[in-house]
């Protein structure tokens, strides 16, 4: 039988409202992070690092990981949610997150 190593005893979850400019995610300590684009989003959400950009058909090093409505990413082994930034197609395209300590 396989064993499961639990990474902690707590965490946080929440929502971040969309923005058409790159914004930093909240300062929340974590060991594992899950991010999901809200199912009712009209467009895409892009998750990346500082200066994250949307897909624009050019070669660059800043384009974020594209999440369509309802898609998710994770687990991401990061020590804080604020290492990530997001940008959206529409101001109403939100994400939810789950941070596990």
PDB file of N, CA and C in Angstrom:
ATOM      1  N   UNK A   1       0.832  -1.176   0.000  1.00  0.00           N
ATOM      2  CA  UNK A   1       0.000   0.000   0.000  1.00  0.00           C
ATOM      3  C   UNK A   1       0.877   1.241   0.000  1.00  0.00           C
ATOM      4  N   UNK A   2       0.539   2.206  -0.841  1.00  0.00           N
ATOM      5  CA  UNK A   2       1.314   3.442  -0.939  1.00  0.00           C
ATOM      6  C   UNK A   2       1.065   4.332   0.269  1.00  0.00           C
ATOM      7  N   UNK A   3       2.081   5.080   0.646  1.00  0.00           N
ATOM      8  CA  UNK A   3       1.914   6.046   1.730  1.00  0.00           C
ATOM      9  C   UNK A   3       1.766   7.432   1.139  1.00  0.00           C
ATOM     10  N   UNK A   4       1.130   8.302   1.887  1.00  0.00           N
ATOM     11  CA  UNK A   4       0.920   9.679   1.457  1.00  0.00           C
ATOM     12  C   UNK A   4       1.653  10.587   2.427  1.00  0.00           C
ATOM     13  N   UNK A   5       2.507  11.446   1.916  1.00  0.00           N
ATOM     14  CA  UNK A   5       3.190  12.432   2.742  1.00  0.00           C
ATOM     15  C   UNK A   5       2.407  13.732   2.672  1.00  0.00           C
ATOM     16  N   UNK A   6       1.853  14.148   3.784  1.00  0.00           N
ATOM     17  CA  UNK A   6       1.104  15.398   3.830  1.00  0.00           C
ATOM     18  C   UNK A   6       2.080  16.546   4.015  1.00  0.00           C
ATOM     19  N   UNK A   7       1.853  17.636   3.283  1.00  0.00           N
ATOM     20  CA  UNK A   7       2.811  18.735   3.292  1.00  0.00           C
ATOM     21  C   UNK A   7       2.562  19.753   4.384  1.00  0.00           C
ATOM     22  N   UNK A   8       1.461  19.680   5.047  1.00  0.00           N
ATOM     23  CA  UNK A   8       1.206  20.658   6.085  1.00  0.00           C
ATOM     24  C   UNK A   8      -0.150  20.455   6.719  1.00  0.00           C
ATOM     25  N   UNK A   9      -0.510  21.389   7.551  1.00  0.00           N
ATOM     26  CA  UNK A   9      -1.764  21.259   8.276  1.00  0.00           C
ATOM     27  C   UNK A   9      -2.731  22.391   7.989  1.00  0.00           C
ATOM     28  N   UNK A  10      -2.437  23.210   7.012  1.00  0.00           N
ATOM     29  CA  UNK A  10      -3.314  24.344   6.757  1.00  0.00           C
ATOM     30  C   UNK A  10      -3.154  24.865   5.356  1.00  0.00           C
ATOM     31  N   UNK A  11      -3.731  25.998   5.152  1.00  0.00           N
ATOM     32  CA  UNK A  11      -3.645  26.622   3.847  1.00  0.00           C
ATOM     33  C   UNK A  11      -4.664  27.731   3.711  1.00  0.00           C
ATOM     34  N   UNK A  12      -4.918  28.122   2.482  1.00  0.00           N
ATOM     35  CA  UNK A  12      -5.861  29.195   2.210  1.00  0.00           C
ATOM     36  C   UNK A  12      -6.452  28.994   0.830  1.00  0.00           C
ATOM     37  N   UNK A  13      -7.644  29.517   0.666  1.00  0.00           N
ATOM     38  CA  UNK A  13      -8.265  29.522  -0.654  1.00  0.00           C
ATOM     39  C   UNK A  13      -8.914  30.880  -0.853  1.00  0.00           C
ATOM     40  N   UNK A  14      -9.110  31.250  -2.107  1.00  0.00           N
ATOM     41  CA  UNK A  14      -9.710  32.549  -2.367  1.00  0.00           C
ATOM     42  C   UNK A  14      -9.936  32.783  -3.838  1.00  0.00           C
ATOM     43  N   UNK A  15     -10.337  33.992  -4.139  1.00  0.00           N
ATOM     44  CA  UNK A  15     -10.631  34.415  -5.507  1.00  0.00           C
ATOM     45  C   UNK A  15      -9.853  35.692  -5.789  1.00  0.00           C
ATOM     46  N   UNK A  16      -9.414  35.838  -7.035  1.00  0.00           N
ATOM     47  CA  UNK A  16      -8.753  37.068  -7.472  1.00  0.00           C
ATOM     48  C   UNK A  16      -9.515  37.578  -8.676  1.00  0.00           C
ATOM     49  N   UNK A  17     -10.003  38.805  -8.581  1.00  0.00           N
ATOM     50  CA  UNK A  17     -10.723  39.423  -9.685  1.00  0.00           C
ATOM     51  C   UNK A  17      -9.784  39.635 -10.861  1.00  0.00           C
ATOM     52  N   UNK A  18     -10.332  39.518 -12.060  1.00  0.00           N
ATOM     53  CA  UNK A  18      -9.541  39.657 -13.273  1.00  0.00           C
ATOM     54  C   UNK A  18      -9.057  41.068 -13.524  1.00  0.00           C
ATOM     55  N   UNK A  19      -8.041  41.179 -14.357  1.00  0.00           N
ATOM     56  CA  UNK A  19      -7.463  42.464 -14.732  1.00  0.00           C
ATOM     57  C   UNK A  19      -6.871  42.328 -16.131  1.00  0.00           C
ATOM     58  N   UNK A  20      -7.016  43.372 -16.937  1.00  0.00           N
ATOM     59  CA  UNK A  20      -6.444  43.348 -18.284  1.00  0.00           C
ATOM     60  C   UNK A  20      -5.000  43.838 -18.284  1.00  0.00           C
ATOM     61  N   UNK A  21      -4.474  44.158 -17.104  1.00  0.00           N
ATOM     62  CA  UNK A  21      -3.048  44.439 -16.935  1.00  0.00           C
ATOM     63  C   UNK A  21      -2.496  43.421 -15.947  1.00  0.00           C
ATOM     64  N   UNK A  22      -1.208  43.162 -16.019  1.00  0.00           N
ATOM     65  CA  UNK A  22      -0.582  42.163 -15.146  1.00  0.00           C
ATOM     66  C   UNK A  22      -0.690  42.596 -13.686  1.00  0.00           C
ATOM     67  N   UNK A  23      -1.160  41.684 -12.822  1.00  0.00           N
ATOM     68  CA  UNK A  23      -1.265  41.945 -11.392  1.00  0.00           C
ATOM     69  C   UNK A  23      -0.666  40.783 -10.619  1.00  0.00           C
ATOM     70  N   UNK A  24      -0.047  41.112  -9.491  1.00  0.00           N
ATOM     71  CA  UNK A  24       0.548  40.106  -8.623  1.00  0.00           C
ATOM     72  C   UNK A  24      -0.545  39.452  -7.787  1.00  0.00           C
ATOM     73  N   UNK A  25      -0.420  38.156  -7.579  1.00  0.00           N
ATOM     74  CA  UNK A  25      -1.359  37.443  -6.731  1.00  0.00           C
ATOM     75  C   UNK A  25      -1.023  37.703  -5.258  1.00  0.00           C
ATOM     76  N   UNK A  26      -1.960  37.452  -4.331  1.00  0.00           N
ATOM     77  CA  UNK A  26      -1.770  37.807  -2.919  1.00  0.00           C
ATOM     78  C   UNK A  26      -0.596  37.093  -2.244  1.00  0.00           C
ATOM     79  N   UNK A  27      -0.110  37.716  -1.184  1.00  0.00           N
ATOM     80  CA  UNK A  27       0.972  37.182  -0.360  1.00  0.00           C
ATOM     81  C   UNK A  27       0.400  36.108   0.565  1.00  0.00           C
ATOM     82  N   UNK A  28       0.502  34.843   0.131  1.00  0.00           N
ATOM     83  CA  UNK A  28       0.007  33.721   0.918  1.00  0.00           C
ATOM     84  C   UNK A  28       1.070  32.619   0.893  1.00  0.00           C
ATOM     85  N   UNK A  29       1.688  32.316   2.057  1.00  0.00           N
ATOM     86  CA  UNK A  29       2.674  31.246   2.107  1.00  0.00           C
ATOM     87  C   UNK A  29       2.047  29.903   1.711  1.00  0.00           C
ATOM     88  N   UNK A  30       2.826  29.080   1.051  1.00  0.00           N
ATOM     89  CA  UNK A  30       2.322  27.789   0.590  1.00  0.00           C
ATOM     90  C   UNK A  30       3.484  26.859   0.288  1.00  0.00           C
ATOM     91  N   UNK A  31       3.135  25.601   0.081  1.00  0.00           N
ATOM     92  CA  UNK A  31       4.077  24.627  -0.465  1.00  0.00           C
ATOM     93  C   UNK A  31       3.580  24.122  -1.812  1.00  0.00           C
ATOM     94  N   UNK A  32       2.254  24.044  -1.936  1.00  0.00           N
ATOM     95  CA  UNK A  32       1.624  23.641  -3.191  1.00  0.00           C
ATOM     96  C   UNK A  32       0.511  24.625  -3.511  1.00  0.00           C
ATOM     97  N   UNK A  33       0.390  24.975  -4.793  1.00  0.00           N
ATOM     98  CA  UNK A  33      -0.612  25.943  -5.228  1.00  0.00           C
ATOM     99  C   UNK A  33      -1.387  25.369  -6.404  1.00  0.00           C
ATOM    100  N   UNK A  34      -2.695  25.521  -6.339  1.00  0.00           N
ATOM    101  CA  UNK A  34      -3.591  25.173  -7.443  1.00  0.00           C
ATOM    102  C   UNK A  34      -4.308  26.445  -7.863  1.00  0.00           C
ATOM    103  N   UNK A  35      -4.460  26.643  -9.168  1.00  0.00           N
ATOM    104  CA  UNK A  35      -5.169  27.807  -9.698  1.00  0.00           C
ATOM    105  C   UNK A  35      -6.167  27.320 -10.728  1.00  0.00           C
ATOM    106  N   UNK A  36      -7.370  27.875 -10.667  1.00  0.00           N
ATOM    107  CA  UNK A  36      -8.415  27.496 -11.610  1.00  0.00           C
ATOM    108  C   UNK A  36      -9.077  28.749 -12.164  1.00  0.00           C
ATOM    109  N   UNK A  37      -9.263  28.787 -13.487  1.00  0.00           N
ATOM    110  CA  UNK A  37     -10.019  29.859 -14.114  1.00  0.00           C
ATOM    111  C   UNK A  37     -11.503  29.594 -13.850  1.00  0.00           C
ATOM    112  N   UNK A  38     -12.222  30.606 -13.422  1.00  0.00           N
ATOM    113  CA  UNK A  38     -13.638  30.456 -13.092  1.00  0.00           C
ATOM    114  C   UNK A  38     -14.408  30.006 -14.337  1.00  0.00           C
ATOM    115  N   UNK A  39     -15.319  29.055 -14.152  1.00  0.00           N
ATOM    116  CA  UNK A  39     -16.054  28.459 -15.269  1.00  0.00           C
ATOM    117  C   UNK A  39     -16.882  29.473 -16.059  1.00  0.00           C
ATOM    118  N   UNK A  40     -17.303  30.547 -15.438  1.00  0.00           N
ATOM    119  CA  UNK A  40     -18.135  31.546 -16.116  1.00  0.00           C
ATOM    120  C   UNK A  40     -17.326  32.605 -16.869  1.00  0.00           C
ATOM    121  N   UNK A  41     -15.995  32.484 -16.892  1.00  0.00           N
ATOM    122  CA  UNK A  41     -15.163  33.462 -17.620  1.00  0.00           C
ATOM    123  C   UNK A  41     -15.535  33.500 -19.095  1.00  0.00           C
ATOM    124  N   UNK A  42     -15.504  34.706 -19.670  1.00  0.00           N
ATOM    125  CA  UNK A  42     -15.786  34.871 -21.101  1.00  0.00           C
ATOM    126  C   UNK A  42     -14.530  34.690 -21.950  1.00  0.00           C
ATOM    127  N   UNK A  43     -13.373  34.888 -21.341  1.00  0.00           N
ATOM    128  CA  UNK A  43     -12.107  34.774 -22.065  1.00  0.00           C
ATOM    129  C   UNK A  43     -11.110  33.948 -21.286  1.00  0.00           C
ATOM    130  N   UNK A  44      -9.847  34.094 -21.652  1.00  0.00           N
ATOM    131  CA  UNK A  44      -8.772  33.327 -21.030  1.00  0.00           C
ATOM    132  C   UNK A  44      -8.081  34.123 -19.933  1.00  0.00           C
ATOM    133  N   UNK A  45      -7.437  33.380 -19.031  1.00  0.00           N
ATOM    134  CA  UNK A  45      -6.584  33.930 -17.992  1.00  0.00           C
ATOM    135  C   UNK A  45      -5.182  33.388 -18.254  1.00  0.00           C
ATOM    136  N   UNK A  46      -4.169  34.210 -18.016  1.00  0.00           N
ATOM    137  CA  UNK A  46      -2.778  33.812 -18.237  1.00  0.00           C
ATOM    138  C   UNK A  46      -2.018  33.974 -16.930  1.00  0.00           C
ATOM    139  N   UNK A  47      -1.355  32.912 -16.498  1.00  0.00           N
ATOM    140  CA  UNK A  47      -0.608  32.894 -15.244  1.00  0.00           C
ATOM    141  C   UNK A  47       0.879  32.810 -15.577  1.00  0.00           C
ATOM    142  N   UNK A  48       1.670  33.679 -14.948  1.00  0.00           N
ATOM    143  CA  UNK A  48       3.108  33.669 -15.180  1.00  0.00           C
ATOM    144  C   UNK A  48       3.829  34.419 -14.083  1.00  0.00           C
ATOM    145  N   UNK A  49       4.955  34.973 -14.450  1.00  0.00           N
ATOM    146  CA  UNK A  49       5.773  35.693 -13.487  1.00  0.00           C
ATOM    147  C   UNK A  49       5.736  37.181 -13.809  1.00  0.00           C
ATOM    148  N   UNK A  50       6.599  37.964 -13.205  1.00  0.00           N
ATOM    149  CA  UNK A  50       6.605  39.413 -13.397  1.00  0.00           C
ATOM    150  C   UNK A  50       6.520  39.742 -14.888  1.00  0.00           C
ATOM    151  N   UNK A  51       5.721  40.719 -15.226  1.00  0.00           N
ATOM    152  CA  UNK A  51       5.529  41.175 -16.614  1.00  0.00           C
ATOM    153  C   UNK A  51       4.816  40.149 -17.491  1.00  0.00           C
ATOM    154  N   UNK A  52       3.995  39.274 -16.890  1.00  0.00           N
ATOM    155  CA  UNK A  52       3.264  38.283 -17.672  1.00  0.00           C
ATOM    156  C   UNK A  52       2.428  38.982 -18.750  1.00  0.00           C
ATOM    157  N   UNK A  53       2.357  38.345 -19.923  1.00  0.00           N
ATOM    158  CA  UNK A  53       1.583  38.893 -21.035  1.00  0.00           C
ATOM    159  C   UNK A  53       0.625  37.834 -21.572  1.00  0.00           C
ATOM    160  N   UNK A  54      -0.315  38.301 -22.382  1.00  0.00           N
ATOM    161  CA  UNK A  54      -1.263  37.411 -23.057  1.00  0.00           C
ATOM    162  C   UNK A  54      -0.633  36.890 -24.349  1.00  0.00           C
ATOM    163  N   UNK A  55      -1.177  35.807 -24.856  1.00  0.00           N
ATOM    164  CA  UNK A  55      -0.760  35.272 -26.151  1.00  0.00           C
ATOM    165  C   UNK A  55      -1.051  36.323 -27.217  1.00  0.00           C
ATOM    166  N   UNK A  56      -0.034  36.629 -28.046  1.00  0.00           N
ATOM    167  CA  UNK A  56      -0.236  37.646 -29.086  1.00  0.00           C
ATOM    168  C   UNK A  56       0.373  37.267 -30.431  1.00  0.00           C
ATOM    169  N   UNK A  57       0.753  36.005 -30.601  1.00  0.00           N
ATOM    170  CA  UNK A  57       1.268  35.552 -31.888  1.00  0.00           C
ATOM    171  C   UNK A  57       2.710  35.898 -32.165  1.00  0.00           C
ATOM    172  N   UNK A  58       3.443  36.368 -31.149  1.00  0.00           N
ATOM    173  CA  UNK A  58       4.854  36.690 -31.331  1.00  0.00           C
ATOM    174  C   UNK A  58       5.700  35.795 -30.429  1.00  0.00           C
ATOM    175  N   UNK A  59       6.973  35.674 -30.746  1.00  0.00           N
ATOM    176  CA  UNK A  59       7.894  34.921 -29.907  1.00  0.00           C
ATOM    177  C   UNK A  59       8.367  35.823 -28.785  1.00  0.00           C
ATOM    178  N   UNK A  60       8.170  35.379 -27.531  1.00  0.00           N
ATOM    179  CA  UNK A  60       8.640  36.164 -26.393  1.00  0.00           C
ATOM    180  C   UNK A  60       8.878  35.236 -25.205  1.00  0.00           C
ATOM    181  N   UNK A  61       9.300  35.812 -24.106  1.00  0.00           N
ATOM    182  CA  UNK A  61       9.589  35.023 -22.904  1.00  0.00           C
ATOM    183  C   UNK A  61       8.699  35.425 -21.735  1.00  0.00           C
ATOM    184  N   UNK A  62       7.599  36.119 -22.007  1.00  0.00           N
ATOM    185  CA  UNK A  62       6.738  36.583 -20.927  1.00  0.00           C
ATOM    186  C   UNK A  62       5.305  36.045 -20.995  1.00  0.00           C
ATOM    187  N   UNK A  63       4.946  35.361 -22.079  1.00  0.00           N
ATOM    188  CA  UNK A  63       3.578  34.862 -22.221  1.00  0.00           C
ATOM    189  C   UNK A  63       3.244  33.896 -21.097  1.00  0.00           C
ATOM    190  N   UNK A  64       2.082  34.115 -20.478  1.00  0.00           N
ATOM    191  CA  UNK A  64       1.657  33.275 -19.362  1.00  0.00           C
ATOM    192  C   UNK A  64       1.057  31.962 -19.822  1.00  0.00           C
ATOM    193  N   UNK A  65       0.870  31.073 -18.857  1.00  0.00           N
ATOM    194  CA  UNK A  65       0.237  29.777 -19.076  1.00  0.00           C
ATOM    195  C   UNK A  65      -1.252  30.037 -19.259  1.00  0.00           C
ATOM    196  N   UNK A  66      -1.787  29.667 -20.404  1.00  0.00           N
ATOM    197  CA  UNK A  66      -3.163  29.983 -20.762  1.00  0.00           C
ATOM    198  C   UNK A  66      -4.163  29.028 -20.103  1.00  0.00           C
ATOM    199  N   UNK A  67      -5.154  29.610 -19.441  1.00  0.00           N
ATOM    200  CA  UNK A  67      -6.236  28.840 -18.839  1.00  0.00           C
ATOM    201  C   UNK A  67      -7.558  29.310 -19.427  1.00  0.00           C
ATOM    202  N   UNK A  68      -8.249  28.414 -20.091  1.00  0.00           N
ATOM    203  CA  UNK A  68      -9.590  28.699 -20.597  1.00  0.00           C
ATOM    204  C   UNK A  68     -10.560  28.583 -19.420  1.00  0.00           C
ATOM    205  N   UNK A  69     -11.774  29.070 -19.586  1.00  0.00           N
ATOM    206  CA  UNK A  69     -12.781  28.985 -18.527  1.00  0.00           C
ATOM    207  C   UNK A  69     -12.881  27.552 -18.011  1.00  0.00           C
ATOM    208  N   UNK A  70     -12.766  27.384 -16.700  1.00  0.00           N
ATOM    209  CA  UNK A  70     -12.880  26.073 -16.074  1.00  0.00           C
ATOM    210  C   UNK A  70     -11.604  25.261 -16.023  1.00  0.00           C
ATOM    211  N   UNK A  71     -10.540  25.698 -16.709  1.00  0.00           N
ATOM    212  CA  UNK A  71      -9.280  24.948 -16.676  1.00  0.00           C
ATOM    213  C   UNK A  71      -8.493  25.291 -15.420  1.00  0.00           C
ATOM    214  N   UNK A  72      -7.632  24.344 -15.026  1.00  0.00           N
ATOM    215  CA  UNK A  72      -6.828  24.568 -13.839  1.00  0.00           C
ATOM    216  C   UNK A  72      -5.387  24.142 -14.043  1.00  0.00           C
ATOM    217  N   UNK A  73      -4.530  24.619 -13.150  1.00  0.00           N
ATOM    218  CA  UNK A  73      -3.125  24.229 -13.157  1.00  0.00           C
ATOM    219  C   UNK A  73      -2.698  23.924 -11.728  1.00  0.00           C
ATOM    220  N   UNK A  74      -1.728  23.033 -11.617  1.00  0.00           N
ATOM    221  CA  UNK A  74      -1.223  22.679 -10.306  1.00  0.00           C
ATOM    222  C   UNK A  74      -1.177  21.170 -10.157  1.00  0.00           C
ATOM    223  N   UNK A  75      -0.529  20.708  -9.120  1.00  0.00           N
ATOM    224  CA  UNK A  75       0.048  21.501  -8.054  1.00  0.00           C
ATOM    225  C   UNK A  75       1.375  22.141  -8.469  1.00  0.00           C
ATOM    226  N   UNK A  76       1.538  23.371  -8.053  1.00  0.00           N
ATOM    227  CA  UNK A  76       2.777  24.113  -8.303  1.00  0.00           C
ATOM    228  C   UNK A  76       3.562  24.161  -7.001  1.00  0.00           C
ATOM    229  N   UNK A  77       4.786  23.642  -6.970  1.00  0.00           N
ATOM    230  CA  UNK A  77       5.570  23.619  -5.733  1.00  0.00           C
ATOM    231  C   UNK A  77       6.271  24.958  -5.496  1.00  0.00           C
ATOM    232  N   UNK A  78       5.500  25.954  -5.073  1.00  0.00           N
ATOM    233  CA  UNK A  78       6.024  27.301  -4.819  1.00  0.00           C
ATOM    234  C   UNK A  78       5.804  27.650  -3.353  1.00  0.00           C
ATOM    235  N   UNK A  79       6.675  28.516  -2.799  1.00  0.00           N
ATOM    236  CA  UNK A  79       6.561  28.838  -1.376  1.00  0.00           C
ATOM    237  C   UNK A  79       5.652  30.030  -1.083  1.00  0.00           C
ATOM    238  N   UNK A  80       5.147  30.701  -2.133  1.00  0.00           N
ATOM    239  CA  UNK A  80       4.214  31.796  -1.908  1.00  0.00           C
ATOM    240  C   UNK A  80       3.428  32.059  -3.189  1.00  0.00           C
ATOM    241  N   UNK A  81       2.137  32.318  -3.031  1.00  0.00           N
ATOM    242  CA  UNK A  81       1.288  32.631  -4.171  1.00  0.00           C
ATOM    243  C   UNK A  81       1.724  33.914  -4.855  1.00  0.00           C
ATOM    244  N   UNK A  82       2.348  34.838  -4.109  1.00  0.00           N
ATOM    245  CA  UNK A  82       2.730  36.128  -4.688  1.00  0.00           C
ATOM    246  C   UNK A  82       3.900  36.057  -5.671  1.00  0.00           C
ATOM    247  N   UNK A  83       4.447  34.877  -5.884  1.00  0.00           N
ATOM    248  CA  UNK A  83       5.453  34.708  -6.927  1.00  0.00           C
ATOM    249  C   UNK A  83       4.818  34.748  -8.319  1.00  0.00           C
ATOM    250  N   UNK A  84       3.495  34.560  -8.364  1.00  0.00           N
ATOM    251  CA  UNK A  84       2.772  34.488  -9.629  1.00  0.00           C
ATOM    252  C   UNK A  84       2.003  35.770  -9.917  1.00  0.00           C
ATOM    253  N   UNK A  85       1.827  36.023 -11.203  1.00  0.00           N
ATOM    254  CA  UNK A  85       1.064  37.168 -11.693  1.00  0.00           C
ATOM    255  C   UNK A  85       0.018  36.649 -12.664  1.00  0.00           C
ATOM    256  N   UNK A  86      -1.012  37.444 -12.891  1.00  0.00           N
ATOM    257  CA  UNK A  86      -2.045  37.063 -13.854  1.00  0.00           C
ATOM    258  C   UNK A  86      -2.425  38.254 -14.715  1.00  0.00           C
ATOM    259  N   UNK A  87      -2.904  37.943 -15.900  1.00  0.00           N
ATOM    260  CA  UNK A  87      -3.484  38.932 -16.801  1.00  0.00           C
ATOM    261  C   UNK A  87      -4.622  38.212 -17.524  1.00  0.00           C
ATOM    262  N   UNK A  88      -5.664  38.948 -17.862  1.00  0.00           N
ATOM    263  CA  UNK A  88      -6.863  38.327 -18.414  1.00  0.00           C
ATOM    264  C   UNK A  88      -7.279  38.992 -19.723  1.00  0.00           C
ATOM    265  N   UNK A  89      -8.030  38.238 -20.507  1.00  0.00           N
ATOM    266  CA  UNK A  89      -8.619  38.816 -21.717  1.00  0.00           C
ATOM    267  C   UNK A  89      -9.635  39.895 -21.369  1.00  0.00           C
ATOM    268  N   UNK A  90     -10.371  39.698 -20.279  1.00  0.00           N
ATOM    269  CA  UNK A  90     -11.422  40.626 -19.858  1.00  0.00           C
ATOM    270  C   UNK A  90     -11.291  40.891 -18.359  1.00  0.00           C
ATOM    271  N   UNK A  91     -11.672  42.078 -17.926  1.00  0.00           N
ATOM    272  CA  UNK A  91     -11.591  42.420 -16.503  1.00  0.00           C
ATOM    273  C   UNK A  91     -12.454  41.503 -15.651  1.00  0.00           C
ATOM    274  N   UNK A  92     -13.478  40.878 -16.217  1.00  0.00           N
ATOM    275  CA  UNK A  92     -14.353  39.993 -15.464  1.00  0.00           C
ATOM    276  C   UNK A  92     -13.927  38.538 -15.453  1.00  0.00           C
ATOM    277  N   UNK A  93     -12.757  38.224 -16.005  1.00  0.00           N
ATOM    278  CA  UNK A  93     -12.254  36.848 -16.036  1.00  0.00           C
ATOM    279  C   UNK A  93     -11.431  36.583 -14.775  1.00  0.00           C
ATOM    280  N   UNK A  94     -12.009  35.863 -13.834  1.00  0.00           N
ATOM    281  CA  UNK A  94     -11.412  35.682 -12.509  1.00  0.00           C
ATOM    282  C   UNK A  94     -10.758  34.312 -12.358  1.00  0.00           C
ATOM    283  N   UNK A  95      -9.989  34.168 -11.269  1.00  0.00           N
ATOM    284  CA  UNK A  95      -9.438  32.870 -10.876  1.00  0.00           C
ATOM    285  C   UNK A  95      -9.832  32.582  -9.440  1.00  0.00           C
ATOM    286  N   UNK A  96      -9.756  31.317  -9.081  1.00  0.00           N
ATOM    287  CA  UNK A  96      -9.784  30.897  -7.681  1.00  0.00           C
ATOM    288  C   UNK A  96      -8.476  30.147  -7.430  1.00  0.00           C
ATOM    289  N   UNK A  97      -8.035  30.150  -6.183  1.00  0.00           N
ATOM    290  CA  UNK A  97      -6.773  29.493  -5.845  1.00  0.00           C
ATOM    291  C   UNK A  97      -6.919  28.703  -4.558  1.00  0.00           C
ATOM    292  N   UNK A  98      -6.063  27.708  -4.444  1.00  0.00           N
ATOM    293  CA  UNK A  98      -5.962  26.889  -3.232  1.00  0.00           C
ATOM    294  C   UNK A  98      -4.479  26.753  -2.912  1.00  0.00           C
ATOM    295  N   UNK A  99      -4.099  27.206  -1.720  1.00  0.00           N
ATOM    296  CA  UNK A  99      -2.702  27.148  -1.275  1.00  0.00           C
ATOM    297  C   UNK A  99      -2.618  26.187  -0.103  1.00  0.00           C
ATOM    298  N   UNK A 100      -1.727  25.222  -0.191  1.00  0.00           N
ATOM    299  CA  UNK A 100      -1.547  24.236   0.872  1.00  0.00           C
ATOM    300  C   UNK A 100      -0.191  24.464   1.511  1.00  0.00           C
ATOM    301  N   UNK A 101      -0.185  24.608   2.829  1.00  0.00           N
ATOM    302  CA  UNK A 101       1.070  24.813   3.548  1.00  0.00           C
ATOM    303  C   UNK A 101       1.710  23.503   3.908  1.00  0.00           C
TER     304      UNK A 101
END
